[in-house]
C-alpha atoms as a PDB file:
ATOM      1  CA  UNK A   1     -31.005 152.403  80.927  1.00  0.00           C
ATOM      2  CA  UNK A   2     -28.032 154.517  81.980  1.00  0.00           C
ATOM      3  CA  UNK A   3     -25.573 152.749  84.196  1.00  0.00           C
ATOM      4  CA  UNK A   4     -23.278 153.924  86.955  1.00  0.00           C
ATOM      5  CA  UNK A   5     -20.538 152.462  84.819  1.00  0.00           C
ATOM      6  CA  UNK A   6     -21.351 154.644  81.816  1.00  0.00           C
ATOM      7  CA  UNK A   7     -19.313 157.555  83.272  1.00  0.00           C
ATOM      8  CA  UNK A   8     -16.408 155.204  84.001  1.00  0.00           C
ATOM      9  CA  UNK A   9     -16.557 153.839  80.449  1.00  0.00           C
ATOM     10  CA  UNK A  10     -16.513 157.348  78.999  1.00  0.00           C
ATOM     11  CA  UNK A  11     -13.503 158.254  81.106  1.00  0.00           C
ATOM     12  CA  UNK A  12     -11.691 155.051  80.063  1.00  0.00           C
ATOM     13  CA  UNK A  13     -12.430 155.733  76.461  1.00  0.00           C
ATOM     14  CA  UNK A  14     -11.120 159.258  76.794  1.00  0.00           C
ATOM     15  CA  UNK A  15      -7.938 158.061  78.525  1.00  0.00           C
ATOM     16  CA  UNK A  16      -7.372 155.460  75.804  1.00  0.00           C
ATOM     17  CA  UNK A  17      -7.854 157.967  72.999  1.00  0.00           C
ATOM     18  CA  UNK A  18      -5.595 160.454  74.735  1.00  0.00           C
ATOM     19  CA  UNK A  19      -2.816 157.789  75.127  1.00  0.00           C
ATOM     20  CA  UNK A  20      -3.275 156.809  71.444  1.00  0.00           C
ATOM     21  CA  UNK A  21      -2.967 160.373  70.373  1.00  0.00           C
ATOM     22  CA  UNK A  22       0.205 160.810  72.439  1.00  0.00           C
ATOM     23  CA  UNK A  23       1.631 157.643  70.929  1.00  0.00           C
ATOM     24  CA  UNK A  24       0.905 159.017  67.468  1.00  0.00           C
ATOM     25  CA  UNK A  25       2.795 162.222  68.354  1.00  0.00           C
ATOM     26  CA  UNK A  26       5.768 160.249  69.688  1.00  0.00           C
ATOM     27  CA  UNK A  27       5.875 158.184  66.468  1.00  0.00           C
ATOM     28  CA  UNK A  28       5.772 161.320  64.341  1.00  0.00           C
ATOM     29  CA  UNK A  29       8.656 162.792  66.316  1.00  0.00           C
ATOM     30  CA  UNK A  30      10.571 159.473  65.996  1.00  0.00           C
ATOM     31  CA  UNK A  31      10.250 159.525  62.216  1.00  0.00           C
ATOM     32  CA  UNK A  32      11.389 163.156  62.094  1.00  0.00           C
ATOM     33  CA  UNK A  33      14.458 162.341  64.170  1.00  0.00           C
ATOM     34  CA  UNK A  34      15.171 159.183  62.169  1.00  0.00           C
ATOM     35  CA  UNK A  35      15.113 161.210  58.937  1.00  0.00           C
ATOM     36  CA  UNK A  36      17.554 163.721  60.497  1.00  0.00           C
ATOM     37  CA  UNK A  37      19.841 160.789  61.513  1.00  0.00           C
ATOM     38  CA  UNK A  38      19.691 159.334  57.958  1.00  0.00           C
ATOM     39  CA  UNK A  39      20.551 162.801  56.581  1.00  0.00           C
ATOM     40  CA  UNK A  40      23.547 163.151  58.934  1.00  0.00           C
ATOM     41  CA  UNK A  41      24.751 159.700  58.048  1.00  0.00           C
ATOM     42  CA  UNK A  42      24.565 160.447  54.281  1.00  0.00           C
ATOM     43  CA  UNK A  43      26.392 163.712  54.846  1.00  0.00           C
ATOM     44  CA  UNK A  44      29.055 161.864  56.822  1.00  0.00           C
ATOM     45  CA  UNK A  45      29.494 159.210  54.149  1.00  0.00           C
ATOM     46  CA  UNK A  46      29.830 161.922  51.516  1.00  0.00           C
ATOM     47  CA  UNK A  47      32.390 163.807  53.513  1.00  0.00           C
ATOM     48  CA  UNK A  48      34.382 160.666  54.171  1.00  0.00           C
ATOM     49  CA  UNK A  49      34.264 159.783  50.414  1.00  0.00           C
ATOM     50  CA  UNK A  50      35.353 163.239  49.413  1.00  0.00           C
ATOM     51  CA  UNK A  51      38.143 163.271  51.885  1.00  0.00           C
ATOM     52  CA  UNK A  52      39.508 160.046  50.422  1.00  0.00           C
ATOM     53  CA  UNK A  53      39.505 161.522  46.954  1.00  0.00           C
ATOM     54  CA  UNK A  54      41.468 164.647  47.759  1.00  0.00           C
ATOM     55  CA  UNK A  55      45.002 163.919  46.471  1.00  0.00           C
ATOM     56  CA  UNK A  56      46.812 167.222  46.826  1.00  0.00           C
ATOM     57  CA  UNK A  57      45.228 168.710  49.887  1.00  0.00           C
ATOM     58  CA  UNK A  58      47.208 170.838  52.301  1.00  0.00           C
ATOM     59  CA  UNK A  59      47.653 169.890  55.935  1.00  0.00           C
ATOM     60  CA  UNK A  60      45.156 172.617  56.902  1.00  0.00           C
ATOM     61  CA  UNK A  61      42.550 171.289  54.450  1.00  0.00           C
ATOM     62  CA  UNK A  62      43.023 167.773  55.766  1.00  0.00           C
ATOM     63  CA  UNK A  63      42.695 168.946  59.348  1.00  0.00           C
ATOM     64  CA  UNK A  64      39.541 170.931  58.510  1.00  0.00           C
ATOM     65  CA  UNK A  65      38.073 167.873  56.723  1.00  0.00           C
ATOM     66  CA  UNK A  66      39.056 165.634  59.644  1.00  0.00           C
ATOM     67  CA  UNK A  67      37.470 168.066  62.122  1.00  0.00           C
ATOM     68  CA  UNK A  68      34.258 168.289  60.032  1.00  0.00           C
ATOM     69  CA  UNK A  69      34.008 164.483  59.846  1.00  0.00           C
ATOM     70  CA  UNK A  70      34.583 164.238  63.584  1.00  0.00           C
ATOM     71  CA  UNK A  71      31.872 166.786  64.217  1.00  0.00           C
ATOM     72  CA  UNK A  72      29.453 164.893  62.011  1.00  0.00           C
ATOM     73  CA  UNK A  73      30.322 161.664  63.963  1.00  0.00           C
ATOM     74  CA  UNK A  74      29.464 163.354  67.232  1.00  0.00           C
ATOM     75  CA  UNK A  75      26.228 164.699  65.796  1.00  0.00           C
ATOM     76  CA  UNK A  76      25.350 161.180  64.516  1.00  0.00           C
ATOM     77  CA  UNK A  77      26.002 159.757  67.962  1.00  0.00           C
ATOM     78  CA  UNK A  78      23.815 162.419  69.642  1.00  0.00           C
ATOM     79  CA  UNK A  79      21.119 161.966  67.104  1.00  0.00           C
ATOM     80  CA  UNK A  80      21.128 158.225  67.600  1.00  0.00           C
ATOM     81  CA  UNK A  81      20.780 158.723  71.310  1.00  0.00           C
ATOM     82  CA  UNK A  82      17.766 161.050  70.657  1.00  0.00           C
ATOM     83  CA  UNK A  83      16.204 158.356  68.480  1.00  0.00           C
ATOM     84  CA  UNK A  84      16.823 155.651  71.050  1.00  0.00           C
ATOM     85  CA  UNK A  85      15.224 157.786  73.833  1.00  0.00           C
ATOM     86  CA  UNK A  86      12.186 158.402  71.655  1.00  0.00           C
ATOM     87  CA  UNK A  87      11.909 154.720  70.849  1.00  0.00           C
ATOM     88  CA  UNK A  88      11.931 153.997  74.577  1.00  0.00           C
ATOM     89  CA  UNK A  89       9.155 156.570  75.111  1.00  0.00           C
ATOM     90  CA  UNK A  90       7.247 155.068  72.233  1.00  0.00           C
ATOM     91  CA  UNK A  91       7.477 151.561  73.867  1.00  0.00           C
ATOM     92  CA  UNK A  92       6.310 152.871  77.238  1.00  0.00           C
ATOM     93  CA  UNK A  93       3.464 154.751  75.618  1.00  0.00           C
ATOM     94  CA  UNK A  94       2.456 151.728  73.516  1.00  0.00           C
ATOM     95  CA  UNK A  95       2.316 149.583  76.725  1.00  0.00           C
ATOM     96  CA  UNK A  96       0.162 152.348  78.363  1.00  0.00           C
ATOM     97  CA  UNK A  97      -2.249 152.290  75.392  1.00  0.00           C
ATOM     98  CA  UNK A  98      -2.589 148.496  75.763  1.00  0.00           C
ATOM     99  CA  UNK A  99      -3.264 148.818  79.516  1.00  0.00           C
ATOM    100  CA  UNK A 100      -5.874 151.598  78.937  1.00  0.00           C
ATOM    101  CA  UNK A 101      -7.550 149.405  76.350  1.00  0.00           C
ATOM    102  CA  UNK A 102      -7.623 146.392  78.609  1.00  0.00           C
ATOM    103  CA  UNK A 103      -8.944 148.497  81.513  1.00  0.00           C
ATOM    104  CA  UNK A 104     -11.714 149.907  79.359  1.00  0.00           C
ATOM    105  CA  UNK A 105     -12.724 146.442  78.042  1.00  0.00           C
ATOM    106  CA  UNK A 106     -12.915 145.072  81.618  1.00  0.00           C
ATOM    107  CA  UNK A 107     -15.352 147.868  82.654  1.00  0.00           C
ATOM    108  CA  UNK A 108     -17.326 147.363  79.381  1.00  0.00           C
ATOM    109  CA  UNK A 109     -17.644 143.622  80.082  1.00  0.00           C
ATOM    110  CA  UNK A 110     -18.851 144.328  83.650  1.00  0.00           C
ATOM    111  CA  UNK A 111     -21.384 146.782  82.385  1.00  0.00           C
ATOM    112  CA  UNK A 112     -22.569 144.218  79.710  1.00  0.00           C
ATOM    113  CA  UNK A 113     -22.960 141.518  82.404  1.00  0.00           C
ATOM    114  CA  UNK A 114     -24.889 143.945  84.584  1.00  0.00           C
ATOM    115  CA  UNK A 115     -27.210 144.768  81.641  1.00  0.00           C
ATOM    116  CA  UNK A 116     -27.757 141.062  80.943  1.00  0.00           C
ATOM    117  CA  UNK A 117     -28.535 140.369  84.596  1.00  0.00           C
ATOM    118  CA  UNK A 118     -30.868 143.352  84.778  1.00  0.00           C
ATOM    119  CA  UNK A 119     -32.689 142.182  81.664  1.00  0.00           C
ATOM    120  CA  UNK A 120     -32.905 138.677  83.219  1.00  0.00           C
ATOM    121  CA  UNK A 121     -34.322 140.078  86.482  1.00  0.00           C
ATOM    122  CA  UNK A 122     -36.816 142.188  84.549  1.00  0.00           C
ATOM    123  CA  UNK A 123     -37.872 139.105  82.598  1.00  0.00           C
ATOM    124  CA  UNK A 124     -38.457 137.137  85.796  1.00  0.00           C
ATOM    125  CA  UNK A 125     -40.501 140.047  87.217  1.00  0.00           C
ATOM    126  CA  UNK A 126     -42.595 140.268  84.068  1.00  0.00           C
ATOM    127  CA  UNK A 127     -43.111 136.471  84.084  1.00  0.00           C
ATOM    128  CA  UNK A 128     -44.251 136.716  87.718  1.00  0.00           C
ATOM    129  CA  UNK A 129     -46.789 139.387  86.815  1.00  0.00           C
ATOM    130  CA  UNK A 130     -48.024 137.275  83.930  1.00  0.00           C
ATOM    131  CA  UNK A 131     -48.341 134.256  86.216  1.00  0.00           C
ATOM    132  CA  UNK A 132     -50.395 136.250  88.695  1.00  0.00           C
ATOM    133  CA  UNK A 133     -52.581 137.491  85.920  1.00  0.00           C
ATOM    134  CA  UNK A 134     -52.933 134.001  84.473  1.00  0.00           C
ATOM    135  CA  UNK A 135     -54.035 132.684  87.925  1.00  0.00           C
ATOM    136  CA  UNK A 136     -56.703 135.451  88.215  1.00  0.00           C
ATOM    137  CA  UNK A 137     -58.071 134.683  84.753  1.00  0.00           C
ATOM    138  CA  UNK A 138     -58.259 130.877  85.175  1.00  0.00           C
ATOM    139  CA  UNK A 139     -60.914 130.860  87.942  1.00  0.00           C
ATOM    140  CA  UNK A 140     -63.212 133.026  85.861  1.00  0.00           C
ATOM    141  CA  UNK A 141     -63.093 130.549  82.958  1.00  0.00           C
ATOM    142  CA  UNK A 142     -64.934 127.880  84.997  1.00  0.00           C
END
């Protein structure tokens, strides 16, 4: 039989799925940003390596190389901050998913207890009816 808790359970399931979906989106974004960070780091390492191999560079070329490496360092720092922020959002969302799941399970357990109790009560009523019928049948057997 439908329960008053069925609607609550449906809402809790929807909230849990929504939070899980949002967590998935955050994780995808984190992976994208981590790849960008890895790419920047590789580019930085390559630029530093190339700068170290230039033997006869002019002062202007050295300055340009140094400026490029500094710019890459700042980009790496900003990208790392972006990744860190996304990881924080991911952790918060993961905790939210756990809470939504717990909340849904609590309501589902309450509903299950109610259904068991309802079945028990129905069984008692049916037994009472059977007992009454049995009492009515016994006197006619004599």
